[in-house]
Amino acid sequence: MNSVEGPRCPAVFTPEFFRELVAHLGGDSRPIRSDWSWDIFARRYPDLRQGMEDYFAEASTGDPASAAYQMVTYFHSPRKWAEGMIERAQIGDPAGAAYLMVCYYDLPAPWAEGIIERAQTGDPASAAYAMMIHHGSSHEWVEDVIERAQTGDPALAAANMVMLHDSPPEWGERVIEKARTGDPAFAANRMVDHFLAPVLWAEGIIERAETGDPAFAAYQMVRYHGSSREWAEGVIERAKTGDPSFWAYLIVRYCGSSREWAEGVIERAQTGDPAGAAANLVHVCGSSREWAERIVERAEGRKREIAGRCMVQYCGSSREWYNSICDEEGKWWIR
């Protein structure tokens, strides 16, 4: 390794991370393009395998367990090395990595079940559900993992067990009610979709949800299950997670909420993609172009570029305005 400071191990392995890692390991990062994935990276830098194994073995952030699986797949790292990485992982998603190792490298199912049972991070409930579907883990074992999961999305896993595998609806409702992670609002909506839970129960779950995308679930309940539009508007206004702006736009388009109300939601949104929702309101619902341009200008990165392109293509914004809000990499599209 050279003197370049190593990057923090991420949960999602992007080309930018690969550039930093190659520089850290003393390689030439200039050939790396923005569309590179693990397989291309491995073909270009096979000689960095040992350095990468050492780097991931020391990582204290991100998802080194998933990286270990990818290293076996693309760099042909020893399977035993990856097993040890996954067994020791205290961060990331070791449960998901263990499941993939069983799928593609013929590790025994009990090995993965032990990893999944002990996982305190990642999504052990979803991994347990996948183990039952694809590798014959027992129904009772999966229910037990889902009940105990404090991370990931146990609510959706429970809903799937009820909808598709005959777990009792009352059991699924209890898991969803106590879930403080994942997307319990969506899980509650799915239970109603399949006529397995009452609408009023689902509305209560959606109102209280602090994770996931409760605004989406509220929109679905109005459009398909007869919940009141006023109730859904309240959920969307209060949502601090998910993408309330987009669902505000759709509830205007399909459920009769006012455009002015949606504009207020979009202006106040601190999460999701308000720029994209603003562009949609102009294109479909008649909001003013000048208003949407101000929303787009406040956005960052790719969301700003994509919404800006939509404004030019469909809403009459000028190319000069688009180029003024984008960095140099984004200006290739419009000159």
Protein backbone atom coordinates (compact mmCIF):
# COMPACT_ATOMS: atom_id res chain seq x y z
CA MET A 1 0.00 0.00 0.00
CA ASN A 2 1.08 3.59 -0.56
CA SER A 3 0.64 6.63 1.64
CA VAL A 4 -2.81 7.54 0.28
CA GLU A 5 -5.37 7.38 3.09
CA GLY A 6 -7.72 4.47 2.68
CA PRO A 7 -11.42 5.09 1.97
CA ARG A 8 -14.15 4.13 4.39
CA CYS A 9 -15.64 0.80 3.45
CA PRO A 10 -19.16 1.53 2.13
CA ALA A 11 -22.38 -0.45 2.14
CA VAL A 12 -22.75 0.10 -1.62
CA PHE A 13 -19.65 -0.34 -3.74
CA THR A 14 -19.56 2.46 -6.31
CA PRO A 15 -16.98 3.30 -8.99
CA GLU A 16 -15.91 6.26 -6.87
CA PHE A 17 -15.09 3.89 -4.01
CA PHE A 18 -13.12 1.66 -6.37
CA ARG A 19 -11.10 4.68 -7.54
CA GLU A 20 -10.19 5.56 -3.97
CA LEU A 21 -9.39 1.97 -3.09
CA VAL A 22 -7.12 1.49 -6.11
CA ALA A 23 -5.23 4.66 -5.23
CA HIS A 24 -4.93 3.46 -1.64
CA LEU A 25 -3.48 0.16 -2.84
CA GLY A 26 -0.97 1.86 -5.10
CA GLY A 27 -2.67 1.23 -8.43
CA ASP A 28 -3.62 3.52 -11.29
CA SER A 29 -7.26 4.51 -10.83
CA ARG A 30 -7.52 6.61 -13.98
CA PRO A 31 -9.06 3.89 -16.21
CA ILE A 32 -12.06 3.39 -13.88
CA ARG A 33 -15.29 4.63 -15.48
CA SER A 34 -18.55 5.62 -13.87
CA ASP A 35 -20.34 2.50 -15.20
CA TRP A 36 -17.89 -0.07 -13.83
CA SER A 37 -19.17 -2.94 -11.69
CA TRP A 38 -17.41 -5.65 -9.68
CA ASP A 39 -16.81 -7.92 -12.67
CA ILE A 40 -15.18 -5.23 -14.81
CA PHE A 41 -13.12 -4.03 -11.87
CA ALA A 42 -11.87 -7.55 -11.15
CA ARG A 43 -10.85 -8.14 -14.76
CA ARG A 44 -8.87 -4.89 -14.82
CA TYR A 45 -7.17 -5.22 -11.42
CA PRO A 46 -6.69 -8.94 -10.63
CA ASP A 47 -3.32 -8.22 -9.02
CA LEU A 48 -4.99 -6.19 -6.23
CA ARG A 49 -6.79 -9.20 -4.76
CA GLN A 50 -4.54 -9.65 -1.74
CA GLY A 51 -4.54 -5.99 -0.89
CA MET A 52 -8.32 -5.88 -1.14
CA GLU A 53 -8.71 -8.93 1.07
CA ASP A 54 -6.53 -7.25 3.71
CA TYR A 55 -8.47 -4.01 3.38
CA PHE A 56 -11.90 -5.64 3.82
CA ALA A 57 -10.64 -7.81 6.68
CA GLU A 58 -9.77 -4.63 8.59
CA ALA A 59 -12.90 -2.66 7.65
CA SER A 60 -14.97 -1.25 10.50
CA THR A 61 -17.65 0.44 8.40
CA GLY A 62 -19.96 -0.46 5.52
CA ASP A 63 -20.60 -4.05 4.48
CA PRO A 64 -17.41 -6.13 4.47
CA ALA A 65 -19.43 -9.37 4.58
CA SER A 66 -21.03 -8.59 1.22
CA ALA A 67 -17.63 -7.54 -0.08
CA ALA A 68 -16.27 -10.96 0.92
CA TYR A 69 -18.95 -12.69 -1.15
CA GLN A 70 -18.15 -10.42 -4.11
CA MET A 71 -14.43 -11.14 -3.72
CA VAL A 72 -15.07 -14.88 -4.00
CA THR A 73 -17.31 -14.35 -7.02
CA TYR A 74 -15.16 -11.98 -9.04
CA PHE A 75 -11.60 -12.16 -7.66
CA HIS A 76 -11.71 -15.89 -6.83
CA SER A 77 -10.70 -15.26 -3.23
CA PRO A 78 -10.62 -18.41 -1.09
CA ARG A 79 -14.02 -19.52 0.09
CA LYS A 80 -12.68 -20.18 3.59
CA TRP A 81 -11.50 -16.58 3.84
CA ALA A 82 -15.00 -15.33 2.95
CA GLU A 83 -16.63 -17.72 5.43
CA GLY A 84 -14.50 -16.31 8.21
CA MET A 85 -15.25 -12.74 7.18
CA ILE A 86 -18.99 -13.40 7.21
CA GLU A 87 -18.90 -15.29 10.51
CA ARG A 88 -17.07 -12.46 12.26
CA ALA A 89 -18.94 -9.53 10.71
CA GLN A 90 -20.54 -7.12 13.19
CA ILE A 91 -21.60 -4.58 10.55
CA GLY A 92 -23.26 -4.70 7.14
CA ASP A 93 -25.45 -7.64 6.17
CA PRO A 94 -23.75 -10.91 7.11
CA ALA A 95 -27.09 -12.74 6.95
CA GLY A 96 -27.58 -11.81 3.31
CA ALA A 97 -23.98 -12.72 2.48
CA ALA A 98 -24.37 -16.11 4.19
CA TYR A 99 -27.50 -16.83 2.18
CA LEU A 100 -25.68 -16.01 -1.08
CA MET A 101 -22.78 -18.26 -0.16
CA VAL A 102 -25.21 -21.15 0.28
CA CYS A 103 -26.87 -20.32 -3.04
CA TYR A 104 -23.74 -20.17 -5.15
CA TYR A 105 -20.96 -21.99 -3.31
CA ASP A 106 -22.70 -25.02 -1.85
CA LEU A 107 -22.15 -24.19 1.79
CA PRO A 108 -24.47 -26.16 4.09
CA ALA A 109 -27.74 -24.51 5.06
CA PRO A 110 -27.10 -24.94 8.83
CA TRP A 111 -23.97 -22.78 8.51
CA ALA A 112 -26.01 -19.91 7.08
CA GLU A 113 -28.82 -20.44 9.57
CA GLY A 114 -26.35 -19.95 12.41
CA ILE A 115 -25.11 -16.69 10.90
CA ILE A 116 -28.67 -15.48 10.36
CA GLU A 117 -29.78 -16.34 13.90
CA ARG A 118 -26.92 -14.37 15.42
CA ALA A 119 -27.05 -11.35 13.08
CA GLN A 120 -27.57 -8.04 14.85
CA THR A 121 -27.22 -5.97 11.69
CA GLY A 122 -28.40 -6.14 8.09
CA ASP A 123 -31.64 -7.99 7.29
CA PRO A 124 -31.75 -11.38 8.97
CA ALA A 125 -35.53 -11.70 8.58
CA SER A 126 -35.38 -11.45 4.79
CA ALA A 127 -32.41 -13.80 4.67
CA ALA A 128 -34.30 -16.35 6.78
CA TYR A 129 -37.33 -16.10 4.51
CA ALA A 130 -35.12 -16.64 1.45
CA MET A 131 -33.50 -19.68 3.12
CA MET A 132 -36.93 -21.26 3.55
CA ILE A 133 -37.90 -20.56 -0.06
CA HIS A 134 -34.70 -21.76 -1.70
CA HIS A 135 -32.97 -24.09 0.77
CA GLY A 136 -35.66 -25.76 2.81
CA SER A 137 -35.21 -24.07 6.19
CA SER A 138 -38.14 -24.78 8.46
CA HIS A 139 -41.23 -22.61 8.70
CA GLU A 140 -40.96 -22.47 12.49
CA TRP A 141 -37.29 -21.40 12.37
CA VAL A 142 -38.11 -18.56 9.98
CA GLU A 143 -40.96 -17.29 12.16
CA ASP A 144 -38.62 -17.31 15.18
CA VAL A 145 -35.93 -15.30 13.34
CA ILE A 146 -38.53 -12.80 12.12
CA GLU A 147 -40.01 -12.33 15.60
CA ARG A 148 -36.60 -11.62 17.12
CA ALA A 149 -35.21 -9.39 14.33
CA GLN A 150 -34.36 -5.86 15.44
CA THR A 151 -32.94 -4.75 12.10
CA GLY A 152 -33.78 -5.09 8.42
CA ASP A 153 -37.43 -5.53 7.43
CA PRO A 154 -39.11 -8.09 9.69
CA ALA A 155 -42.54 -6.58 8.98
CA LEU A 156 -42.45 -7.36 5.26
CA ALA A 157 -41.00 -10.81 5.92
CA ALA A 158 -43.89 -11.47 8.31
CA ALA A 159 -46.42 -10.24 5.77
CA ASN A 160 -44.94 -12.58 3.16
CA MET A 161 -45.15 -15.50 5.57
CA VAL A 162 -48.84 -14.78 6.16
CA MET A 163 -49.72 -14.07 2.52
CA LEU A 164 -47.79 -16.91 0.92
CA HIS A 165 -46.99 -19.53 3.55
CA ASP A 166 -50.00 -19.81 5.85
CA SER A 167 -48.58 -18.21 8.97
CA PRO A 168 -51.47 -16.95 11.14
CA PRO A 169 -52.60 -13.38 10.32
CA GLU A 170 -52.63 -12.55 14.03
CA TRP A 171 -48.95 -13.48 14.25
CA GLY A 172 -48.13 -11.27 11.26
CA GLU A 173 -50.05 -8.36 12.75
CA ARG A 174 -48.10 -8.63 16.01
CA VAL A 175 -44.75 -8.59 14.20
CA ILE A 176 -45.77 -5.60 12.08
CA GLU A 177 -47.11 -3.69 15.09
CA LYS A 178 -43.85 -3.96 17.00
CA ALA A 179 -41.52 -3.36 14.02
CA ARG A 180 -39.32 -0.29 14.41
CA THR A 181 -37.25 -0.87 11.30
CA GLY A 182 -37.87 -1.63 7.64
CA ASP A 183 -41.21 -0.60 6.15
CA PRO A 184 -44.07 -1.63 8.44
CA ALA A 185 -46.48 0.71 6.62
CA PHE A 186 -45.98 -1.15 3.34
CA ALA A 187 -46.30 -4.49 5.11
CA ALA A 188 -49.62 -3.38 6.63
CA ASN A 189 -50.83 -2.27 3.22
CA ARG A 190 -49.90 -5.64 1.73
CA MET A 191 -51.89 -7.43 4.43
CA VAL A 192 -54.96 -5.41 3.45
CA ASP A 193 -54.28 -6.08 -0.25
CA HIS A 194 -54.67 -9.78 0.46
CA PHE A 195 -57.76 -9.36 2.68
CA LEU A 196 -55.82 -10.55 5.73
CA ALA A 197 -56.17 -7.49 7.96
CA PRO A 198 -58.74 -4.70 8.46
CA VAL A 199 -58.31 -1.26 6.91
CA LEU A 200 -58.49 0.57 10.26
CA TRP A 201 -55.68 -1.57 11.67
CA ALA A 202 -53.47 -0.77 8.67
CA GLU A 203 -54.22 2.94 8.93
CA GLY A 204 -52.99 2.91 12.51
CA ILE A 205 -49.73 1.22 11.52
CA ILE A 206 -49.21 3.69 8.67
CA GLU A 207 -49.89 6.72 10.88
CA ARG A 208 -47.31 5.62 13.45
CA ALA A 209 -44.60 4.44 11.03
CA GLU A 210 -41.26 6.20 11.45
CA THR A 211 -39.31 4.17 8.90
CA GLY A 212 -39.92 3.04 5.34
CA ASP A 213 -42.31 5.00 3.12
CA PRO A 214 -45.58 5.62 4.96
CA ALA A 215 -46.66 8.19 2.34
CA PHE A 216 -46.68 5.47 -0.33
CA ALA A 217 -48.77 3.20 1.86
CA ALA A 218 -51.21 6.02 2.58
CA TYR A 219 -51.62 6.75 -1.15
CA GLN A 220 -52.27 3.05 -1.82
CA MET A 221 -54.89 2.90 0.92
CA VAL A 222 -56.81 5.82 -0.58
CA ARG A 223 -56.63 4.63 -4.16
CA TYR A 224 -57.40 0.96 -3.60
CA HIS A 225 -58.96 0.46 -0.15
CA GLY A 226 -61.32 3.36 0.50
CA SER A 227 -59.34 5.29 3.12
CA SER A 228 -60.14 8.99 3.15
CA ARG A 229 -58.07 11.40 1.10
CA GLU A 230 -57.86 13.78 4.06
CA TRP A 231 -56.35 11.05 6.21
CA ALA A 232 -53.73 10.24 3.58
CA GLU A 233 -52.86 13.91 3.10
CA GLY A 234 -52.14 14.12 6.82
CA VAL A 235 -49.82 11.08 6.66
CA ILE A 236 -48.01 12.51 3.64
CA GLU A 237 -47.60 15.94 5.27
CA ARG A 238 -46.06 14.42 8.39
CA ALA A 239 -43.80 11.86 6.65
CA LYS A 240 -40.12 12.23 7.57
CA THR A 241 -38.92 9.25 5.56
CA GLY A 242 -39.57 7.77 2.12
CA ASP A 243 -40.68 10.03 -0.74
CA PRO A 244 -43.69 12.09 0.36
CA SER A 245 -43.28 14.50 -2.58
CA PHE A 246 -43.87 11.85 -5.23
CA TRP A 247 -46.92 10.44 -3.47
CA ALA A 248 -48.27 13.96 -3.02
CA TYR A 249 -48.04 14.37 -6.80
CA LEU A 250 -49.81 11.05 -7.42
CA ILE A 251 -52.60 11.74 -4.96
CA VAL A 252 -53.25 14.96 -6.89
CA ARG A 253 -53.22 13.11 -10.19
CA TYR A 254 -55.41 10.16 -9.23
CA CYS A 255 -57.29 10.98 -6.04
CA GLY A 256 -58.36 14.62 -6.33
CA SER A 257 -56.09 16.41 -3.86
CA SER A 258 -55.32 20.01 -4.76
CA ARG A 259 -52.24 21.02 -6.68
CA GLU A 260 -51.56 23.83 -4.21
CA TRP A 261 -51.50 21.34 -1.34
CA ALA A 262 -48.96 19.15 -3.15
CA GLU A 263 -46.78 22.15 -3.94
CA GLY A 264 -46.62 22.90 -0.22
CA VAL A 265 -45.60 19.31 0.57
CA ILE A 266 -42.88 19.43 -2.09
CA GLU A 267 -41.54 22.79 -0.90
CA ARG A 268 -41.17 21.48 2.67
CA ALA A 269 -39.87 17.99 1.84
CA GLN A 270 -36.57 16.99 3.46
CA THR A 271 -36.43 13.48 2.03
CA GLY A 272 -37.12 11.67 -1.24
CA ASP A 273 -37.07 13.47 -4.59
CA PRO A 274 -38.97 16.75 -4.43
CA ALA A 275 -37.30 17.95 -7.64
CA GLY A 276 -38.69 15.05 -9.65
CA ALA A 277 -42.14 15.52 -8.11
CA ALA A 278 -42.05 19.23 -8.97
CA ALA A 279 -41.24 18.44 -12.60
CA ASN A 280 -44.16 15.99 -12.71
CA LEU A 281 -46.54 18.57 -11.27
CA VAL A 282 -45.60 20.99 -14.03
CA HIS A 283 -45.82 18.42 -16.81
CA VAL A 284 -49.05 16.72 -15.73
CA CYS A 285 -50.88 19.01 -13.33
CA GLY A 286 -50.13 22.52 -14.53
CA SER A 287 -47.90 23.95 -11.80
CA SER A 288 -45.77 26.88 -12.91
CA ARG A 289 -42.42 26.24 -14.54
CA GLU A 290 -40.74 28.97 -12.52
CA TRP A 291 -41.86 27.40 -9.24
CA ALA A 292 -40.53 23.97 -10.24
CA GLU A 293 -37.22 25.40 -11.44
CA ARG A 294 -36.65 26.82 -7.96
CA ILE A 295 -37.30 23.39 -6.43
CA VAL A 296 -34.95 21.69 -8.91
CA GLU A 297 -32.19 24.23 -8.24
CA ARG A 298 -32.22 23.26 -4.54
CA ALA A 299 -31.71 19.56 -5.31
CA GLU A 300 -28.31 17.89 -5.43
CA GLY A 301 -26.41 15.62 -7.79
CA ARG A 302 -28.23 13.22 -10.07
CA LYS A 303 -31.66 14.16 -8.78
CA ARG A 304 -31.09 17.74 -9.91
CA GLU A 305 -29.77 16.63 -13.30
CA ILE A 306 -32.62 14.19 -14.00
CA ALA A 307 -35.33 16.62 -12.92
CA GLY A 308 -33.63 19.36 -14.93
CA ARG A 309 -33.67 17.20 -18.05
CA CYS A 310 -37.38 16.55 -17.56
CA MET A 311 -38.00 20.26 -17.22
CA VAL A 312 -36.26 20.92 -20.55
CA GLN A 313 -37.85 17.99 -22.37
CA TYR A 314 -41.43 18.36 -21.16
CA CYS A 315 -41.91 21.69 -19.42
CA GLY A 316 -40.26 24.34 -21.58
CA SER A 317 -37.23 25.16 -19.45
CA SER A 318 -34.26 26.50 -21.38
CA ARG A 319 -31.04 24.68 -22.12
CA GLU A 320 -29.15 27.62 -20.66
CA TRP A 321 -30.99 27.20 -17.36
CA TYR A 322 -30.23 23.46 -17.34
CA ASN A 323 -26.52 23.97 -17.96
CA SER A 324 -26.40 26.65 -15.26
CA ILE A 325 -27.55 24.21 -12.56
CA CYS A 326 -25.42 21.18 -13.54
CA ASP A 327 -21.78 20.39 -12.95
CA GLU A 328 -19.55 19.68 -15.93
CA GLU A 329 -20.25 15.93 -15.96
CA GLY A 330 -23.98 16.58 -16.24
CA LYS A 331 -23.71 19.03 -19.13
CA TRP A 332 -22.94 16.40 -21.76
CA TRP A 333 -26.65 15.86 -22.30
CA ILE A 334 -27.64 19.37 -23.40
CA ARG A 335 -25.34 21.87 -25.11
